[in-house]
C-alpha atoms as a PDB file:
ATOM      1  CA  MET A   1     101.955 110.292 114.004  1.00  0.00           C
ATOM      2  CA  GLY A   2     101.491 106.391 114.457  1.00  0.00           C
ATOM      3  CA  ALA A   3      98.975 104.345 112.570  1.00  0.00           C
ATOM      4  CA  SER A   4      96.888 103.412 115.751  1.00  0.00           C
ATOM      5  CA  LEU A   5      96.876 107.184 116.508  1.00  0.00           C
ATOM      6  CA  LEU A   6      96.046 108.019 113.210  1.00  0.00           C
ATOM      7  CA  SER A   7      93.125 105.538 113.214  1.00  0.00           C
ATOM      8  CA  ALA A   8      91.760 107.044 116.554  1.00  0.00           C
ATOM      9  CA  ASN A   9      92.002 110.566 115.340  1.00  0.00           C
ATOM     10  CA  LEU A  10      90.532 109.611 111.715  1.00  0.00           C
ATOM     11  CA  ALA A  11      87.609 112.403 111.710  1.00  0.00           C
ATOM     12  CA  ASP A  12      90.129 115.159 112.110  1.00  0.00           C
ATOM     13  CA  ARG A  13      91.997 114.046 109.035  1.00  0.00           C
ATOM     14  CA  LEU A  14      89.266 113.983 106.733  1.00  0.00           C
ATOM     15  CA  LEU A  15      88.485 116.760 104.123  1.00  0.00           C
ATOM     16  CA  GLY A  16      85.241 117.598 101.910  1.00  0.00           C
ATOM     17  CA  ASP A  17      83.272 114.755 100.726  1.00  0.00           C
ATOM     18  CA  ALA A  18      85.008 112.482 103.122  1.00  0.00           C
ATOM     19  CA  VAL A  19      83.778 114.484 106.326  1.00  0.00           C
ATOM     20  CA  GLN A  20      80.207 114.345 104.985  1.00  0.00           C
ATOM     21  CA  TRP A  21      80.607 110.508 104.389  1.00  0.00           C
ATOM     22  CA  TYR A  22      81.970 110.166 107.733  1.00  0.00           C
ATOM     23  CA  THR A  23      79.771 112.223 109.929  1.00  0.00           C
ATOM     24  CA  GLU A  24      76.450 111.726 108.008  1.00  0.00           C
ATOM     25  CA  GLU A  25      76.605 108.486 105.885  1.00  0.00           C
ATOM     26  CA  ILE A  26      77.946 105.760 107.561  1.00  0.00           C
ATOM     27  CA  SER A  27      76.836 104.407 111.172  1.00  0.00           C
ATOM     28  CA  SER A  28      78.144 104.725 114.502  1.00  0.00           C
ATOM     29  CA  ALA A  29      79.306 101.117 114.640  1.00  0.00           C
ATOM     30  CA  THR A  30      81.184 101.440 111.266  1.00  0.00           C
ATOM     31  CA  ARG A  31      82.801 104.760 112.539  1.00  0.00           C
ATOM     32  CA  LEU A  32      83.832 102.656 115.962  1.00  0.00           C
ATOM     33  CA  GLY A  33      85.356  99.956 113.456  1.00  0.00           C
ATOM     34  CA  LEU A  34      87.267 102.384 111.538  1.00  0.00           C
ATOM     35  CA  GLN A  35      88.843 103.964 114.576  1.00  0.00           C
ATOM     36  CA  ILE A  36      89.929 100.441 115.995  1.00  0.00           C
ATOM     37  CA  SER A  37      90.720  98.825 112.617  1.00  0.00           C
ATOM     38  CA  SER A  38      94.293  99.171 111.186  1.00  0.00           C
ATOM     39  CA  ILE A  39      94.984 102.149 109.027  1.00  0.00           C
ATOM     40  CA  GLU A  40      95.196  99.908 105.872  1.00  0.00           C
ATOM     41  CA  GLU A  41      91.706  98.597 106.418  1.00  0.00           C
ATOM     42  CA  GLY A  42      90.693 102.156 106.968  1.00  0.00           C
ATOM     43  CA  CYS A  43      92.316 102.955 103.939  1.00  0.00           C
ATOM     44  CA  ASN A  44      90.870 100.434 101.848  1.00  0.00           C
ATOM     45  CA  ILE A  45      87.224 101.294 102.962  1.00  0.00           C
ATOM     46  CA  LEU A  46      87.749 105.102 101.884  1.00  0.00           C
ATOM     47  CA  GLU A  47      89.267 104.041  98.505  1.00  0.00           C
ATOM     48  CA  THR A  48      86.380 101.699  98.003  1.00  0.00           C
ATOM     49  CA  ARG A  49      83.680 104.382  98.842  1.00  0.00           C
ATOM     50  CA  PHE A  50      85.602 107.331  96.711  1.00  0.00           C
ATOM     51  CA  ARG A  51      86.959 105.284  93.851  1.00  0.00           C
ATOM     52  CA  GLU A  52      85.847 106.559  90.466  1.00  0.00           C
ATOM     53  CA  SER A  53      84.230 103.856  88.351  1.00  0.00           C
ATOM     54  CA  SER A  54      86.735 101.714  86.008  1.00  0.00           C
ATOM     55  CA  SER A  55      84.890 103.624  83.150  1.00  0.00           C
ATOM     56  CA  LYS A  56      85.115 106.646  84.084  1.00  0.00           C
ATOM     57  CA  SER A  57      88.941 106.452  84.978  1.00  0.00           C
ATOM     58  CA  LEU A  58      89.528 104.918  81.496  1.00  0.00           C
ATOM     59  CA  LEU A  59      87.676 107.724  79.698  1.00  0.00           C
ATOM     60  CA  ALA A  60      89.725 110.322  81.777  1.00  0.00           C
ATOM     61  CA  LEU A  61      92.834 108.541  81.178  1.00  0.00           C
ATOM     62  CA  TRP A  62      92.492 108.900  77.352  1.00  0.00           C
ATOM     63  CA  LYS A  63      91.502 112.458  77.195  1.00  0.00           C
ATOM     64  CA  PRO A  64      94.427 114.837  76.367  1.00  0.00           C
ATOM     65  CA  ASN A  65      96.634 115.054  79.353  1.00  0.00           C
ATOM     66  CA  ASP A  66      99.710 116.492  77.667  1.00  0.00           C
ATOM     67  CA  ILE A  67     102.076 118.779  79.310  1.00  0.00           C
ATOM     68  CA  THR A  68     101.774 121.940  77.170  1.00  0.00           C
ATOM     69  CA  ILE A  69     104.910 124.094  76.199  1.00  0.00           C
ATOM     70  CA  GLN A  70     103.665 126.633  78.485  1.00  0.00           C
ATOM     71  CA  ASP A  71     103.805 124.089  81.427  1.00  0.00           C
ATOM     72  CA  ALA A  72     107.359 123.518  80.524  1.00  0.00           C
ATOM     73  CA  ARG A  73     108.225 127.489  80.292  1.00  0.00           C
ATOM     74  CA  GLN A  74     106.649 128.186  83.704  1.00  0.00           C
ATOM     75  CA  PRO A  75     108.254 125.578  84.747  1.00  0.00           C
ATOM     76  CA  ARG A  76     105.844 123.339  86.111  1.00  0.00           C
ATOM     77  CA  ASP A  77     106.740 120.076  88.028  1.00  0.00           C
ATOM     78  CA  PRO A  78     105.756 117.005  85.794  1.00  0.00           C
ATOM     79  CA  THR A  79     105.248 115.191  89.008  1.00  0.00           C
ATOM     80  CA  LYS A  80     101.479 115.701  89.375  1.00  0.00           C
ATOM     81  CA  PHE A  81     100.810 115.011  85.734  1.00  0.00           C
ATOM     82  CA  MET A  82     102.705 111.439  86.083  1.00  0.00           C
ATOM     83  CA  GLN A  83     100.752 110.863  89.429  1.00  0.00           C
ATOM     84  CA  ARG A  84      97.517 111.668  87.683  1.00  0.00           C
ATOM     85  CA  ILE A  85      98.122 109.183  84.980  1.00  0.00           C
ATOM     86  CA  VAL A  86      99.287 106.434  87.246  1.00  0.00           C
ATOM     87  CA  LEU A  87      96.018 106.888  89.202  1.00  0.00           C
ATOM     88  CA  LEU A  88      93.629 106.846  86.610  1.00  0.00           C
ATOM     89  CA  GLY A  89      95.403 104.095  85.011  1.00  0.00           C
ATOM     90  CA  ARG A  90      95.317 102.011  88.525  1.00  0.00           C
ATOM     91  CA  MET A  91      91.433 102.972  88.597  1.00  0.00           C
ATOM     92  CA  SER A  92      90.750 101.594  85.538  1.00  0.00           C
ATOM     93  CA  ASN A  93      92.556  98.683  86.026  1.00  0.00           C
ATOM     94  CA  LEU A  94      95.116  99.148  83.342  1.00  0.00           C
ATOM     95  CA  ILE A  95      97.831  99.125  85.941  1.00  0.00           C
ATOM     96  CA  LYS A  96      98.586  96.590  88.254  1.00  0.00           C
ATOM     97  CA  ASP A  97     101.803  96.970  89.357  1.00  0.00           C
ATOM     98  CA  ASP A  98     105.015  99.285  88.987  1.00  0.00           C
ATOM     99  CA  ALA A  99     106.078  97.872  85.891  1.00  0.00           C
ATOM    100  CA  ALA A 100     103.025  98.535  84.054  1.00  0.00           C
ATOM    101  CA  ALA A 101     102.974 102.453  85.719  1.00  0.00           C
ATOM    102  CA  CYS A 102     106.253 102.916  84.075  1.00  0.00           C
ATOM    103  CA  MET A 103     104.938 101.272  80.561  1.00  0.00           C
ATOM    104  CA  ILE A 104     102.227 103.874  80.924  1.00  0.00           C
ATOM    105  CA  LEU A 105     103.993 106.923  81.608  1.00  0.00           C
ATOM    106  CA  GLN A 106     106.537 105.953  78.737  1.00  0.00           C
ATOM    107  CA  LEU A 107     103.488 105.853  76.492  1.00  0.00           C
ATOM    108  CA  TRP A 108     102.704 109.253  77.639  1.00  0.00           C
END
């Protein structure tokens, strides 16, 4: 799906709280703006609205997020674990680039 088509059909792609935000919280002018803007601009607006605060992300990052022995036995893919660590690091402003993401993952 092309970026312009995705922007035009944004409402069809949203789930959960994002649907409520799109249909009930923003004005029709903002909805129209999202439909005609680039997909990057739309993503930035969504990210700003739904991003956790830096302090919440930092607290979540420092809570135990270990992969357990049971996870390894099942076997569970560690990718989701690593993605969560990087996401929390970015939201808490500890990770600003890929090199910092690699360093944070090595710490875990």
